[in-house]
Amino acid sequence: MSRPPISCSRKRFPKRIVLIFLLPVLCATPVARSQDAVRPSLAGEAAAEARRQDIEHIPYNLMAGPIRFRVSATVGVEYNDNINLAETNVQDDVIIRPQLNIDAIWPVTQLNTLRLDLGLSYAFYIDHSNADTNGVLIAPGSQLAFDIFVGDFRINFHDRPSLQQDPVAEPALSNVIDYGRFENTAGVSLLWDMNKALLTLGYDHYNYVSTVSAFDYLNRNAEELSGTIDFLLTSTTGVGLESYAVFNYYDQNVLNDSNTYSVGAFVESQLTNYLKVRVAGGYQWIDFDSSFVNFFGTLVPDQGKQSDYYANILVTHRLNSKIKQTLSAGHESQLGVNSNFLVLNYIRHTVNWSIIRNTLLSTEFFYEDADDSGGFIDEHLHRFGGAVALGYQLTPHVTLGLRYQYTKKDSDVALRDYKQNRVALDGTYSF
């Protein structure tokens, strides 16, 4: 299940969270008492050695002692015919986007590995310089991670920063150019491999800081606990339980602090060599401090509680050696931008086509249906769109890319519809 991190309430953790967090542990206890050696451990020394061998084969292009680096630089130019996501008074512009990607891995010991993945970029707007990036952007997926293997345990310490400003990523936004926000997730996860079961426990602290004064009311922090237990029925199929609890605290008294709980089950199966499916579902509770939001001193009605199911499915299918597709769909509740929460239904489909030598063609499609719980705007919206991207390996060091993206939003609130077309051309040099 995908969800936005939610921040930490300064109340005592309710007793309910203890039960939710310990559920996977309680389920795992009988399994831990007696195990048959049916496969190599995913967390033991053999796994650490396998990872070390994988590292040796990764095509890194720079070395500094034991540290391997993979560095690339990209320069792109994009035309966007609606940078402000507007229905009227639409603004278009040409945007220059330089980017530097750094991947580094350091096998500190045979069992411990430090990894850095970092993408840094900037956006220059030719006609609307006021929309230029507020500082350096940090790409989603950037992380500093440290893995430790101890017996049948794998411990992962991580810090995952992101700094973005594109508003099209948030379905609830319209009439916005700059949705600048810094997000950081830091925490630890523990994987315990018991052969017939995999137990994972995690703790994360999350921070959200807006770089735009208009969205300062979204500044928040979070404490999140999670746990899963995966019972391996066969070498290709597992079923399990998943749970999480998140405590949300905003810096300003506009939107409401909240506690979120979720308990569910999942099944994951490699049905064939080419088809993999994961299905999950359960129940989600969100308790807010108030059934009103504070809209610049005016209390606006909202919903103070949310109790609903969540469900999601992910299908990965390789049709043949040249074509691979991914399909995902789901129903969930997440924190809102203009309200306490947003109920979201979505479907996304991606296909990668490697049908021409040195060329990768990808196509994307998405559809979203979202409904605010109340709040400032109380919007019900539909969004759909897609993209076509073409990548060509010109030389061993140079890759060219061309991408077209279309997004359309239909809202039941006046002046919040929009259409956006984007065409981008870029070149990447791998050192």
Protein backbone atom coordinates (compact mmCIF):
# COMPACT_ATOMS: atom_id res chain seq x y z
CA MET A 1 0.00 0.00 0.00
CA SER A 2 1.28 3.43 -0.84
CA ARG A 3 0.64 6.29 1.48
CA PRO A 4 2.14 9.68 2.42
CA PRO A 5 4.09 9.74 5.65
CA ILE A 6 2.09 11.30 8.49
CA SER A 7 3.58 13.07 11.44
CA CYS A 8 3.97 12.63 15.10
CA SER A 9 1.34 13.59 17.64
CA ARG A 10 2.74 14.82 20.95
CA LYS A 11 0.32 12.64 22.85
CA ARG A 12 1.07 9.35 24.49
CA PHE A 13 0.89 6.47 22.05
CA PRO A 14 -2.49 4.76 22.46
CA LYS A 15 -2.50 1.14 23.65
CA ARG A 16 -4.02 0.16 20.30
CA ILE A 17 -0.71 0.80 18.57
CA VAL A 18 1.10 -1.69 20.80
CA LEU A 19 -1.23 -4.48 19.68
CA ILE A 20 -1.00 -3.48 16.02
CA PHE A 21 2.78 -3.24 16.08
CA LEU A 22 3.20 -6.57 17.92
CA LEU A 23 0.75 -8.49 15.73
CA PRO A 24 3.42 -9.72 13.28
CA VAL A 25 5.70 -10.62 16.21
CA LEU A 26 3.00 -12.70 17.92
CA CYS A 27 2.21 -14.49 14.68
CA ALA A 28 5.90 -15.21 14.12
CA THR A 29 6.55 -16.78 17.54
CA PRO A 30 5.26 -20.30 16.78
CA VAL A 31 7.20 -20.34 13.50
CA ALA A 32 10.46 -19.44 15.20
CA ARG A 33 10.42 -22.47 17.48
CA SER A 34 11.01 -25.07 14.81
CA GLN A 35 12.36 -24.50 11.34
CA ASP A 36 13.54 -26.73 8.53
CA ALA A 37 16.42 -25.55 6.38
CA VAL A 38 14.52 -25.21 3.10
CA ARG A 39 16.53 -22.43 1.42
CA PRO A 40 19.49 -20.09 2.01
CA SER A 41 18.77 -17.31 4.48
CA LEU A 42 18.04 -13.86 3.06
CA ALA A 43 19.80 -12.28 6.04
CA GLY A 44 22.76 -14.51 6.87
CA GLU A 45 26.38 -14.59 5.81
CA ALA A 46 25.54 -16.36 2.54
CA ALA A 47 23.25 -13.49 1.59
CA ALA A 48 25.94 -10.98 2.51
CA GLU A 49 28.47 -12.85 0.35
CA ALA A 50 26.01 -12.99 -2.55
CA ARG A 51 25.51 -9.24 -2.26
CA ARG A 52 29.27 -8.69 -2.22
CA GLN A 53 29.60 -10.67 -5.45
CA ASP A 54 26.78 -8.66 -7.00
CA ILE A 55 28.62 -5.46 -6.07
CA GLU A 56 31.69 -6.73 -7.90
CA HIS A 57 29.67 -7.01 -11.12
CA ILE A 58 27.89 -3.63 -10.91
CA PRO A 59 29.31 -1.39 -13.71
CA TYR A 60 30.63 1.46 -11.56
CA ASN A 61 32.84 3.87 -13.49
CA LEU A 62 34.98 5.42 -10.73
CA MET A 63 36.80 4.05 -7.69
CA ALA A 64 38.33 5.64 -4.61
CA GLY A 65 39.94 2.90 -2.59
CA PRO A 66 37.20 0.38 -1.73
CA ILE A 67 34.40 2.80 -2.67
CA ARG A 68 32.81 2.36 -6.09
CA PHE A 69 31.11 5.30 -7.80
CA ARG A 70 28.75 5.57 -10.73
CA VAL A 71 28.42 9.18 -11.86
CA SER A 72 26.37 10.67 -14.67
CA ALA A 73 25.31 14.16 -15.74
CA THR A 74 22.13 15.10 -17.61
CA VAL A 75 21.04 18.29 -19.33
CA GLY A 76 17.44 18.56 -20.47
CA VAL A 77 15.13 21.10 -22.03
CA GLU A 78 11.35 20.95 -21.57
CA TYR A 79 8.38 22.81 -23.01
CA ASN A 80 5.38 22.96 -20.64
CA ASP A 81 2.16 24.54 -21.95
CA ASN A 82 0.56 24.96 -18.48
CA ILE A 83 3.13 25.43 -15.74
CA ASN A 84 0.52 26.87 -13.32
CA LEU A 85 -2.06 24.03 -13.69
CA ALA A 86 -4.75 26.56 -14.57
CA GLU A 87 -8.07 26.49 -16.39
CA THR A 88 -7.82 30.19 -17.33
CA ASN A 89 -4.81 32.54 -17.55
CA VAL A 90 -2.65 29.61 -18.56
CA GLN A 91 1.13 30.19 -18.53
CA ASP A 92 3.60 28.26 -20.67
CA ASP A 93 7.38 28.20 -20.54
CA VAL A 94 10.61 26.52 -21.59
CA ILE A 95 12.57 24.97 -18.71
CA ILE A 96 16.26 24.01 -18.60
CA ARG A 97 17.04 21.12 -16.24
CA PRO A 98 20.66 20.15 -15.44
CA GLN A 99 21.06 17.10 -13.17
CA LEU A 100 23.90 15.18 -11.52
CA ASN A 101 23.44 11.55 -10.40
CA ILE A 102 25.84 9.90 -7.95
CA ASP A 103 25.63 6.26 -6.84
CA ALA A 104 28.29 5.00 -4.44
CA ILE A 105 28.72 1.76 -2.55
CA TRP A 106 31.26 0.90 0.12
CA PRO A 107 31.61 -2.69 1.39
CA VAL A 108 32.84 -1.67 4.86
CA THR A 109 33.26 -5.33 5.78
CA GLN A 110 32.09 -8.58 4.21
CA LEU A 111 28.82 -8.27 6.17
CA ASN A 112 28.29 -4.49 6.29
CA THR A 113 27.62 -2.23 3.30
CA LEU A 114 27.18 1.55 3.06
CA ARG A 115 25.30 2.87 0.02
CA LEU A 116 24.63 6.36 -1.33
CA ASP A 117 22.16 7.19 -4.13
CA LEU A 118 21.80 10.89 -4.85
CA GLY A 119 20.22 12.90 -7.65
CA LEU A 120 20.74 16.68 -7.68
CA SER A 121 19.11 19.00 -10.20
CA TYR A 122 17.97 22.56 -10.90
CA ALA A 123 15.19 24.12 -13.03
CA PHE A 124 15.61 27.40 -14.95
CA TYR A 125 12.40 28.92 -16.34
CA ILE A 126 13.10 31.08 -19.39
CA ASP A 127 10.06 33.42 -19.10
CA HIS A 128 9.04 32.98 -15.44
CA SER A 129 12.24 33.24 -13.43
CA ASN A 130 10.19 33.54 -10.23
CA ALA A 131 9.42 29.82 -10.68
CA ASP A 132 13.13 28.84 -10.70
CA THR A 133 14.07 26.16 -8.22
CA ASN A 134 14.39 27.29 -4.59
CA GLY A 135 17.78 25.70 -4.02
CA VAL A 136 18.97 22.40 -5.43
CA LEU A 137 16.34 19.72 -6.04
CA ILE A 138 16.94 16.26 -4.56
CA ALA A 139 15.42 13.43 -6.58
CA PRO A 140 13.00 10.97 -4.97
CA GLY A 141 14.82 7.71 -4.37
CA SER A 142 17.92 9.43 -3.02
CA GLN A 143 19.19 7.69 0.09
CA LEU A 144 22.05 6.93 2.42
CA ALA A 145 21.71 3.36 3.67
CA PHE A 146 23.81 1.03 5.81
CA ASP A 147 23.14 -2.73 5.90
CA ILE A 148 24.37 -4.96 8.71
CA PHE A 149 24.08 -8.76 8.59
CA VAL A 150 24.09 -10.61 11.93
CA GLY A 151 23.16 -14.29 11.87
CA ASP A 152 19.65 -14.53 10.42
CA PHE A 153 19.05 -10.80 10.90
CA ARG A 154 19.54 -7.98 8.43
CA ILE A 155 19.47 -4.47 9.91
CA ASN A 156 19.07 -1.48 7.60
CA PHE A 157 19.71 2.10 8.75
CA HIS A 158 18.58 4.68 6.22
CA ASP A 159 18.04 8.35 5.53
CA ARG A 160 15.95 9.28 2.45
CA PRO A 161 15.77 12.98 1.54
CA SER A 162 13.77 14.54 -1.27
CA LEU A 163 13.34 18.16 -2.39
CA GLN A 164 10.78 18.72 -5.16
CA GLN A 165 8.61 21.55 -6.44
CA ASP A 166 6.51 20.18 -9.34
CA PRO A 167 2.82 20.49 -8.31
CA VAL A 168 1.49 17.95 -10.82
CA ALA A 169 2.48 15.12 -8.45
CA GLU A 170 -0.32 16.17 -6.05
CA PRO A 171 -3.85 15.55 -7.45
CA ALA A 172 -5.51 18.02 -5.07
CA LEU A 173 -3.58 21.03 -6.45
CA SER A 174 -4.66 23.48 -9.15
CA ASN A 175 -3.54 27.04 -10.02
CA VAL A 176 -0.08 26.42 -8.52
CA ILE A 177 3.37 26.78 -10.10
CA ASP A 178 5.67 26.04 -7.17
CA TYR A 179 4.81 23.28 -4.70
CA GLY A 180 8.25 23.23 -3.10
CA ARG A 181 8.68 20.77 -0.26
CA PHE A 182 11.57 19.07 1.50
CA GLU A 183 10.80 15.60 2.81
CA ASN A 184 13.09 13.37 4.83
CA THR A 185 12.56 9.88 6.20
CA ALA A 186 15.15 8.47 8.60
CA GLY A 187 14.87 5.18 10.42
CA VAL A 188 15.79 1.55 10.85
CA SER A 189 14.30 -1.73 9.69
CA LEU A 190 14.96 -5.27 10.89
CA LEU A 191 14.51 -8.41 8.77
CA TRP A 192 14.49 -11.76 10.58
CA ASP A 193 14.66 -14.74 8.21
CA MET A 194 13.21 -17.89 9.82
CA ASN A 195 13.21 -19.95 6.62
CA LYS A 196 9.47 -20.55 6.52
CA ALA A 197 8.68 -17.00 7.58
CA LEU A 198 10.13 -13.53 7.14
CA LEU A 199 9.49 -10.99 9.90
CA THR A 200 10.12 -7.30 9.18
CA LEU A 201 9.85 -4.51 11.76
CA GLY A 202 10.47 -0.84 11.08
CA TYR A 203 10.62 2.58 12.66
CA ASP A 204 10.84 5.86 10.73
CA HIS A 205 10.85 9.54 11.62
CA TYR A 206 9.48 11.80 8.89
CA ASN A 207 9.79 15.55 8.33
CA TYR A 208 7.97 17.75 5.83
CA VAL A 209 9.11 21.35 5.32
CA SER A 210 7.53 23.60 2.69
CA THR A 211 9.88 25.87 0.77
CA VAL A 212 6.90 28.04 -0.25
CA SER A 213 5.19 30.28 2.32
CA ALA A 214 1.74 29.54 0.88
CA PHE A 215 2.08 25.91 2.01
CA ASP A 216 3.74 26.46 5.38
CA TYR A 217 0.61 25.09 7.02
CA LEU A 218 1.61 21.61 5.75
CA ASN A 219 4.86 21.57 7.76
CA ARG A 220 4.82 18.50 10.00
CA ASN A 221 6.76 15.58 11.45
CA ALA A 222 5.87 11.95 12.01
CA GLU A 223 6.65 8.80 13.92
CA GLU A 224 5.82 5.59 12.07
CA LEU A 225 5.91 1.98 13.21
CA SER A 226 5.41 -0.91 10.80
CA GLY A 227 5.52 -4.68 10.81
CA THR A 228 4.95 -7.57 8.42
CA ILE A 229 5.12 -11.35 8.71
CA ASP A 230 5.41 -13.32 5.47
CA PHE A 231 4.77 -17.08 5.62
CA LEU A 232 6.43 -18.89 2.71
CA LEU A 233 3.99 -21.58 1.57
CA THR A 234 6.17 -22.61 -1.38
CA SER A 235 9.35 -21.34 -3.00
CA THR A 236 7.21 -19.02 -5.15
CA THR A 237 4.23 -18.10 -2.92
CA GLY A 238 3.90 -16.34 0.40
CA VAL A 239 0.99 -15.05 2.48
CA GLY A 240 1.21 -12.73 5.43
CA LEU A 241 -0.01 -9.95 7.67
CA GLU A 242 0.95 -6.28 7.56
CA SER A 243 0.33 -3.44 10.00
CA TYR A 244 1.44 0.11 10.64
CA ALA A 245 0.71 3.05 12.90
CA VAL A 246 1.57 6.69 12.24
CA PHE A 247 1.30 9.71 14.56
CA ASN A 248 0.87 13.07 12.86
CA TYR A 249 1.68 16.52 14.22
CA TYR A 250 1.47 19.80 12.27
CA ASP A 251 3.51 22.88 13.16
CA GLN A 252 0.53 25.19 12.57
CA ASN A 253 -3.07 24.95 13.75
CA VAL A 254 -4.67 24.73 10.28
CA LEU A 255 -5.05 21.05 9.47
CA ASN A 256 -5.49 18.61 12.35
CA ASP A 257 -3.07 16.25 14.07
CA SER A 258 -3.99 12.61 13.57
CA ASN A 259 -3.25 9.01 14.49
CA THR A 260 -3.45 6.41 11.72
CA TYR A 261 -3.67 2.64 12.13
CA SER A 262 -3.83 -0.11 9.55
CA VAL A 263 -4.05 -3.91 9.71
CA GLY A 264 -4.30 -6.19 6.70
CA ALA A 265 -3.15 -9.28 4.85
CA PHE A 266 -1.35 -9.94 1.61
CA VAL A 267 -0.45 -12.73 -0.80
CA GLU A 268 2.48 -12.62 -3.21
CA SER A 269 3.17 -15.24 -5.83
CA GLN A 270 5.50 -15.83 -8.75
CA LEU A 271 2.82 -17.58 -10.83
CA THR A 272 5.14 -18.29 -13.74
CA ASN A 273 8.68 -17.33 -14.71
CA TYR A 274 7.15 -14.28 -16.38
CA LEU A 275 4.20 -13.34 -14.15
CA LYS A 276 4.33 -12.07 -10.55
CA VAL A 277 1.31 -10.86 -8.54
CA ARG A 278 0.93 -9.19 -5.14
CA VAL A 279 -2.50 -8.51 -3.64
CA ALA A 280 -3.06 -6.78 -0.29
CA GLY A 281 -6.03 -5.49 1.63
CA GLY A 282 -7.20 -4.57 5.10
CA TYR A 283 -8.70 -1.86 7.23
CA GLN A 284 -7.48 1.64 8.00
CA TRP A 285 -8.48 4.01 10.82
CA ILE A 286 -7.58 7.69 11.06
CA ASP A 287 -8.49 9.75 14.16
CA PHE A 288 -8.17 13.54 13.84
CA ASP A 289 -8.10 16.07 16.67
CA SER A 290 -11.07 17.97 15.26
CA SER A 291 -13.91 17.75 12.73
CA PHE A 292 -13.08 21.31 11.58
CA VAL A 293 -10.08 22.82 9.81
CA ASN A 294 -8.90 26.36 10.56
CA PHE A 295 -9.04 28.32 7.29
CA PHE A 296 -7.23 31.57 8.21
CA GLY A 297 -9.24 31.96 11.43
CA THR A 298 -12.51 30.52 10.08
CA LEU A 299 -13.49 27.01 11.17
CA VAL A 300 -14.56 24.97 8.15
CA PRO A 301 -16.40 21.63 8.61
CA ASP A 302 -14.47 18.45 7.89
CA GLN A 303 -14.58 14.81 8.97
CA GLY A 304 -12.81 14.00 12.23
CA LYS A 305 -12.63 10.23 11.72
CA GLN A 306 -12.06 7.93 8.80
CA SER A 307 -12.66 4.19 8.89
CA ASP A 308 -12.41 2.44 5.53
CA TYR A 309 -10.85 -0.51 3.75
CA TYR A 310 -7.66 -0.33 1.73
CA ALA A 311 -6.73 -2.61 -1.15
CA ASN A 312 -4.02 -2.74 -3.77
CA ILE A 313 -2.73 -5.05 -6.45
CA LEU A 314 0.57 -5.11 -8.32
CA VAL A 315 1.09 -7.27 -11.41
CA THR A 316 4.44 -7.59 -13.17
CA HIS A 317 4.35 -9.44 -16.46
CA ARG A 318 7.14 -10.10 -18.94
CA LEU A 319 5.40 -10.94 -22.19
CA ASN A 320 8.64 -11.93 -23.89
CA SER A 321 12.31 -10.97 -23.94
CA LYS A 322 11.43 -7.59 -25.46
CA ILE A 323 8.26 -6.43 -23.66
CA LYS A 324 7.55 -6.05 -19.93
CA GLN A 325 4.47 -4.47 -18.35
CA THR A 326 3.44 -3.44 -14.85
CA LEU A 327 -0.13 -2.85 -13.64
CA SER A 328 -1.08 -1.43 -10.25
CA ALA A 329 -4.44 -0.39 -8.79
CA GLY A 330 -5.74 0.48 -5.36
CA HIS A 331 -8.07 2.21 -2.93
CA GLU A 332 -6.75 4.09 0.12
CA SER A 333 -7.07 7.15 2.34
CA GLN A 334 -4.23 9.64 2.74
CA LEU A 335 -3.62 13.04 4.30
CA GLY A 336 -5.12 15.93 2.39
CA VAL A 337 -3.67 19.23 1.25
CA ASN A 338 -6.93 21.18 1.59
CA SER A 339 -8.69 18.85 4.04
CA ASN A 340 -8.11 16.31 6.80
CA PHE A 341 -7.89 13.44 4.33
CA LEU A 342 -8.38 12.40 0.74
CA VAL A 343 -9.92 9.11 -0.46
CA LEU A 344 -8.05 7.95 -3.56
CA ASN A 345 -8.78 5.29 -6.18
CA TYR A 346 -6.10 4.77 -8.80
CA ILE A 347 -4.91 2.58 -11.65
CA ARG A 348 -1.50 2.79 -13.35
CA HIS A 349 -0.03 0.86 -16.26
CA THR A 350 3.51 0.91 -17.66
CA VAL A 351 5.03 -0.99 -20.59
CA ASN A 352 8.71 -1.15 -21.53
CA TRP A 353 9.44 -2.07 -25.14
CA SER A 354 13.00 -3.16 -26.06
CA ILE A 355 12.21 -3.96 -29.67
CA ILE A 356 14.94 -1.92 -31.36
CA ARG A 357 18.64 -2.32 -30.62
CA ASN A 358 20.05 0.30 -28.21
CA THR A 359 16.54 1.80 -27.87
CA LEU A 360 14.06 1.64 -25.01
CA LEU A 361 10.48 2.75 -25.56
CA SER A 362 8.15 3.09 -22.55
CA THR A 363 4.48 3.97 -22.35
CA GLU A 364 2.54 5.00 -19.24
CA PHE A 365 -1.13 5.49 -18.38
CA PHE A 366 -2.85 6.50 -15.13
CA TYR A 367 -6.33 7.29 -13.82
CA GLU A 368 -7.20 8.75 -10.40
CA ASP A 369 -10.47 9.42 -8.63
CA ALA A 370 -10.06 11.48 -5.44
CA ASP A 371 -12.54 12.93 -2.94
CA ASP A 372 -11.77 15.44 -0.18
CA SER A 373 -13.20 14.82 3.29
CA GLY A 374 -14.35 18.46 3.49
CA GLY A 375 -12.04 21.34 4.34
CA PHE A 376 -11.14 24.45 2.37
CA ILE A 377 -12.29 23.32 -1.06
CA ASP A 378 -14.12 19.97 -0.59
CA GLU A 379 -13.26 18.81 -4.08
CA HIS A 380 -14.15 15.64 -5.98
CA LEU A 381 -11.80 15.19 -8.91
CA HIS A 382 -10.77 12.86 -11.71
CA ARG A 383 -7.34 12.89 -13.30
CA PHE A 384 -6.00 10.84 -16.14
CA GLY A 385 -3.07 10.97 -18.47
CA GLY A 386 -0.08 9.20 -19.84
CA ALA A 387 3.39 9.46 -21.27
CA VAL A 388 5.58 8.12 -24.04
CA ALA A 389 9.35 8.06 -23.54
CA LEU A 390 12.14 7.07 -25.90
CA GLY A 391 15.73 6.42 -24.85
CA TYR A 392 18.59 5.78 -27.27
CA GLN A 393 22.13 4.60 -26.37
CA LEU A 394 24.17 6.74 -28.76
CA THR A 395 27.58 5.68 -27.42
CA PRO A 396 28.75 3.67 -24.39
CA HIS A 397 28.80 6.95 -22.46
CA VAL A 398 25.99 8.99 -24.05
CA THR A 399 22.23 8.38 -23.86
CA LEU A 400 19.57 10.55 -25.48
CA GLY A 401 16.01 10.79 -24.24
CA LEU A 402 12.70 12.17 -25.55
CA ARG A 403 9.47 12.26 -23.51
CA TYR A 404 5.91 13.49 -23.98
CA GLN A 405 3.51 13.67 -21.01
CA TYR A 406 -0.19 14.58 -20.88
CA THR A 407 -2.28 15.24 -17.75
CA LYS A 408 -5.94 16.27 -17.53
CA LYS A 409 -7.91 17.09 -14.38
CA ASP A 410 -11.69 17.38 -14.08
CA SER A 411 -13.00 18.91 -10.85
CA ASP A 412 -16.47 19.60 -9.47
CA VAL A 413 -15.16 22.96 -8.17
CA ALA A 414 -15.11 25.96 -10.52
CA LEU A 415 -11.80 27.00 -12.13
CA ARG A 416 -9.89 23.94 -10.95
CA ASP A 417 -9.87 21.95 -14.20
CA TYR A 418 -6.69 21.90 -16.26
CA LYS A 419 -4.86 20.23 -19.13
CA GLN A 420 -1.08 20.04 -19.34
CA ASN A 421 1.24 18.95 -22.18
CA ARG A 422 4.98 18.52 -21.61
CA VAL A 423 7.69 17.68 -24.14
CA ALA A 424 11.25 17.09 -22.92
CA LEU A 425 14.55 16.30 -24.63
CA ASP A 426 17.67 15.38 -22.66
CA GLY A 427 21.16 13.97 -22.98
CA THR A 428 23.02 11.98 -20.32
CA TYR A 429 26.78 11.40 -20.09
CA SER A 430 27.99 8.55 -17.88
CA PHE A 431 31.56 9.08 -16.78
